[in-house]
Protein backbone atom coordinates (compact mmCIF):
# COMPACT_ATOMS: atom_id res chain seq x y z
CA MET A 1 80.49 102.24 114.60
CA GLN A 2 83.58 104.01 114.09
CA THR A 3 86.33 103.85 111.23
CA ILE A 4 89.94 103.40 111.35
CA ALA A 5 90.30 107.18 110.10
CA THR A 6 88.56 107.96 113.62
CA LEU A 7 91.07 106.89 115.70
CA GLU A 8 93.59 109.20 117.86
CA LYS A 9 97.04 108.63 117.95
CA GLY A 10 98.03 105.69 120.14
CA GLU A 11 94.30 104.14 120.26
CA LYS A 12 93.69 100.66 119.53
CA GLY A 13 90.49 98.88 118.20
CA ILE A 14 89.23 95.94 116.56
CA ILE A 15 88.34 95.40 112.92
CA GLN A 16 84.64 94.82 112.46
CA ASP A 17 84.22 94.64 108.92
CA PHE A 18 84.52 96.31 105.90
CA GLU A 19 83.41 96.01 101.91
CA ILE A 20 85.70 93.59 100.62
CA ASP A 21 85.54 95.61 97.10
CA THR A 22 86.77 98.43 98.55
CA ILE A 23 89.82 97.38 100.53
CA PRO A 24 93.03 96.52 98.51
CA LEU A 25 94.12 93.06 98.49
CA LYS A 26 97.60 93.49 99.62
CA LEU A 27 96.07 94.96 102.90
CA ILE A 28 94.02 92.11 103.41
CA GLU A 29 96.76 89.56 102.86
CA MET A 30 98.81 91.83 105.74
CA GLY A 31 96.03 90.89 108.52
CA CYS A 32 93.30 93.48 107.73
CA LEU A 33 90.67 91.09 108.63
CA PRO A 34 87.99 91.38 110.95
CA GLY A 35 88.57 90.09 114.47
CA ASN A 36 91.96 91.67 114.38
CA SER A 37 93.52 94.57 116.52
CA ILE A 38 94.64 97.77 115.04
CA GLU A 39 96.58 100.29 116.62
CA LEU A 40 97.12 103.83 115.08
CA VAL A 41 100.89 104.62 115.44
CA GLN A 42 101.33 107.81 113.70
CA LEU A 43 99.73 110.26 111.61
CA ALA A 44 101.23 111.90 108.65
CA PRO A 45 100.99 115.52 108.34
CA PHE A 46 97.52 116.47 107.20
CA HIS A 47 96.34 113.06 108.83
CA ASP A 48 97.26 111.20 105.39
CA PRO A 49 98.46 108.39 105.28
CA LEU A 50 97.84 106.70 108.56
CA TYR A 51 100.86 104.53 110.00
CA LEU A 52 99.22 101.52 111.74
CA ASN A 53 100.17 98.11 113.58
CA ILE A 54 97.79 95.62 112.63
CA ASN A 55 98.64 92.20 114.46
CA GLY A 56 102.23 93.16 114.31
CA SER A 57 102.12 94.22 110.85
CA TYR A 58 103.30 97.95 110.23
CA VAL A 59 101.67 99.74 107.22
CA ALA A 60 100.32 102.88 106.21
CA ILE A 61 96.96 103.48 104.49
CA ARG A 62 95.28 106.28 102.77
CA LYS A 63 92.66 108.03 104.91
CA GLU A 64 90.14 107.44 102.14
CA THR A 65 90.77 103.68 102.69
CA ALA A 66 90.61 104.19 106.38
CA GLU A 67 87.14 105.61 106.27
CA GLN A 68 86.07 102.22 105.03
CA ILE A 69 87.26 99.89 107.56
CA LEU A 70 84.79 100.04 110.67
CA ILE A 71 86.07 98.99 114.11
CA GLU A 72 85.21 99.08 117.77
CA LYS A 73 87.42 101.14 119.79
CA ILE A 74 89.57 99.25 122.86
CA ASN A 75 90.95 100.80 126.06
């Protein structure tokens, strides 16, 4: 499985799984849940943080967090 951190700019995926203890509650409240779509909108310099569109909510997350969220890439 791949993680959000492996996405390239413009790529999309479906969230598959993550450890609930490693993800900030605020991110879960904003729609970062299994089954939701995710798109990498922009990368900051040095690839941290990542700017994402999660089901219409735009959020920036640290690469460390993105590496904990498993996804399945879609075309």
